Protein backbone atom coordinates (compact mmCIF):
# COMPACT_ATOMS: atom_id res chain seq x y z
CA UNK A 1 -82.66 178.69 -18.56
CA UNK A 2 -79.51 180.37 -20.11
CA UNK A 3 -77.25 178.58 -17.74
CA UNK A 4 -78.73 175.21 -18.48
CA UNK A 5 -78.39 175.78 -22.15
CA UNK A 6 -74.81 176.99 -21.88
CA UNK A 7 -73.85 174.09 -19.66
CA UNK A 8 -75.49 171.72 -22.18
CA UNK A 9 -73.68 173.44 -25.10
CA UNK A 10 -70.33 173.08 -23.21
CA UNK A 11 -70.92 169.33 -22.48
CA UNK A 12 -71.67 168.98 -26.18
CA UNK A 13 -68.39 170.58 -27.08
CA UNK A 14 -66.64 168.09 -24.60
CA UNK A 15 -68.44 165.19 -26.26
CA UNK A 16 -67.46 166.41 -29.70
CA UNK A 17 -63.94 166.87 -28.73
CA UNK A 18 -63.85 163.39 -27.00
CA UNK A 19 -65.59 161.52 -29.94
CA UNK A 20 -62.58 162.22 -32.24
CA UNK A 21 -60.04 161.01 -29.66
CA UNK A 22 -58.92 157.60 -28.99
CA UNK A 23 -58.32 156.22 -25.55
CA UNK A 24 -54.70 155.18 -24.96
CA UNK A 25 -54.13 151.52 -24.13
CA UNK A 26 -50.90 150.91 -22.16
CA UNK A 27 -49.41 147.83 -20.66
CA UNK A 28 -50.93 144.44 -21.01
CA UNK A 29 -49.69 141.01 -22.29
CA UNK A 30 -49.81 139.72 -25.89
CA UNK A 31 -51.87 136.58 -25.89
CA UNK A 32 -50.09 135.29 -29.12
CA UNK A 33 -46.61 135.35 -27.65
CA UNK A 34 -46.95 134.06 -24.14
CA UNK A 35 -50.33 132.59 -23.00
CA UNK A 36 -48.62 131.29 -19.81
CA UNK A 37 -47.72 134.92 -18.78
CA UNK A 38 -51.35 135.93 -19.06
CA UNK A 39 -52.37 133.01 -16.68
CA UNK A 40 -49.59 134.05 -14.34
CA UNK A 41 -50.93 137.56 -14.16
CA UNK A 42 -54.53 136.42 -13.54
CA UNK A 43 -53.23 134.26 -10.78
CA UNK A 44 -51.34 137.04 -9.15
CA UNK A 45 -54.63 139.13 -8.61
CA UNK A 46 -54.75 139.92 -4.93
CA UNK A 47 -57.68 138.17 -2.92
CA UNK A 48 -60.55 140.58 -2.49
CA UNK A 49 -59.52 142.72 -5.52
CA UNK A 50 -62.14 143.19 -8.36
CA UNK A 51 -61.28 141.79 -11.92
CA UNK A 52 -61.98 145.23 -13.43
CA UNK A 53 -62.09 148.72 -11.95
CA UNK A 54 -63.43 152.11 -13.35
CA UNK A 55 -62.62 155.37 -11.87
CA UNK A 56 -64.60 158.44 -13.27
CA UNK A 57 -64.04 162.05 -12.14
CA UNK A 58 -66.17 164.74 -14.02
CA UNK A 59 -66.49 168.38 -13.05
CA UNK A 60 -68.58 171.25 -14.30
CA UNK A 61 -67.58 174.73 -13.08
CA UNK A 62 -69.08 178.03 -14.27
CA UNK A 63 -68.88 181.74 -13.49
CA UNK A 64 -71.75 183.35 -15.32
CA UNK A 65 -72.54 186.63 -13.73
CA UNK A 66 -70.71 189.94 -14.21
CA UNK A 67 -67.53 189.80 -11.87
CA UNK A 68 -68.39 186.35 -10.65
CA UNK A 69 -65.74 183.80 -9.47
CA UNK A 70 -65.96 180.05 -9.32
CA UNK A 71 -63.31 177.54 -8.16
CA UNK A 72 -63.57 173.75 -8.30
CA UNK A 73 -61.02 171.34 -6.92
CA UNK A 74 -61.85 167.65 -7.44
CA UNK A 75 -59.75 164.66 -6.32
CA UNK A 76 -60.63 161.07 -7.19
CA UNK A 77 -58.63 158.05 -5.90
CA UNK A 78 -59.32 154.62 -7.49
CA UNK A 79 -57.81 152.83 -4.52
CA UNK A 80 -54.64 150.64 -4.11
CA UNK A 81 -56.06 147.27 -5.22
CA UNK A 82 -54.53 146.22 -8.66
CA UNK A 83 -57.40 144.73 -10.72
CA UNK A 84 -56.75 142.85 -13.99
CA UNK A 85 -58.21 145.76 -16.04
CA UNK A 86 -58.24 149.44 -15.13
CA UNK A 87 -60.22 152.25 -16.74
CA UNK A 88 -60.05 155.81 -15.73
CA UNK A 89 -61.91 158.92 -17.03
CA UNK A 90 -61.05 162.55 -15.99
CA UNK A 91 -63.25 165.13 -17.69
CA UNK A 92 -64.10 168.73 -17.04
CA UNK A 93 -65.98 171.67 -18.31
CA UNK A 94 -64.80 175.14 -17.09
CA UNK A 95 -66.67 178.22 -18.09
CA UNK A 96 -66.06 181.98 -17.37
CA UNK A 97 -68.89 183.67 -19.36
CA UNK A 98 -69.65 186.88 -17.47
CA UNK A 99 -67.90 190.04 -18.12
CA UNK A 100 -64.79 190.22 -15.84
CA UNK A 101 -65.56 186.80 -14.41
CA UNK A 102 -63.00 184.09 -13.44
CA UNK A 103 -63.30 180.34 -13.32
CA UNK A 104 -60.61 177.95 -11.97
CA UNK A 105 -61.05 174.17 -12.23
CA UNK A 106 -58.53 171.41 -11.08
CA UNK A 107 -59.34 167.77 -11.48
CA UNK A 108 -56.83 165.29 -10.12
CA UNK A 109 -57.76 161.51 -10.73
CA UNK A 110 -55.50 158.52 -9.66
CA UNK A 111 -56.07 154.92 -10.34
CA UNK A 112 -53.88 151.77 -10.21
CA UNK A 113 -52.49 150.15 -13.35
CA UNK A 114 -54.20 146.96 -14.36
CA UNK A 115 -52.45 143.72 -14.38
CA UNK A 116 -53.46 143.02 -18.08
CA UNK A 117 -54.60 146.37 -19.39
CA UNK A 118 -55.05 150.11 -18.60
CA UNK A 119 -57.11 152.76 -20.36
CA UNK A 120 -56.66 156.29 -19.18
CA UNK A 121 -58.77 159.01 -20.76
CA UNK A 122 -58.58 162.80 -19.78
CA UNK A 123 -60.41 165.61 -21.66
CA UNK A 124 -61.49 169.17 -20.95
CA UNK A 125 -63.26 172.18 -22.21
CA UNK A 126 -62.17 175.49 -20.95
CA UNK A 127 -63.86 178.75 -22.17
CA UNK A 128 -63.45 182.37 -21.12
CA UNK A 129 -65.95 184.29 -23.47
CA UNK A 130 -66.95 187.42 -21.38
CA UNK A 131 -64.90 190.65 -21.89
CA UNK A 132 -62.06 190.59 -19.47
CA UNK A 133 -62.93 187.05 -18.22
CA UNK A 134 -60.30 184.43 -17.33
CA UNK A 135 -60.50 180.65 -17.16
CA UNK A 136 -57.82 178.13 -15.92
CA UNK A 137 -58.11 174.45 -16.06
CA UNK A 138 -55.86 171.60 -14.96
CA UNK A 139 -56.86 167.99 -15.57
CA UNK A 140 -54.59 165.16 -14.48
CA UNK A 141 -55.25 161.46 -15.08
CA UNK A 142 -52.43 159.53 -13.55
CA UNK A 143 -52.04 155.70 -13.39
CA UNK A 144 -50.12 154.11 -10.60
CA UNK A 145 -47.84 151.11 -10.74
């Protein structure tokens, strides 16, 4: 019961931290300046590729007991197809709550850049609360060409 409450509290912290952040929009084509360029991008979509693609990588890692260790490595690949619009989310919760515990988390997410627009969102919560505990976290949300 304590573990479930702790995990829910950590996810709540992640949601609170994420609510105040704004996703980054990169790339794209201005419709006002060049409507023809937008049509050219739509026509350059590879056959068989989706119009939009979403890649989500979420990890929860916890070391709760005294002297416990926990390690998590998560890799998510969104493929090589270039959609019109690409969205990627990489999020993690990493907890070292037991006395002398250690938690290590690595999340590595890759997705292709969208032809018209790309949104890449990476957030994490990393807590070492027990006496002598250590928590390390790496979250990478990379967008290809």
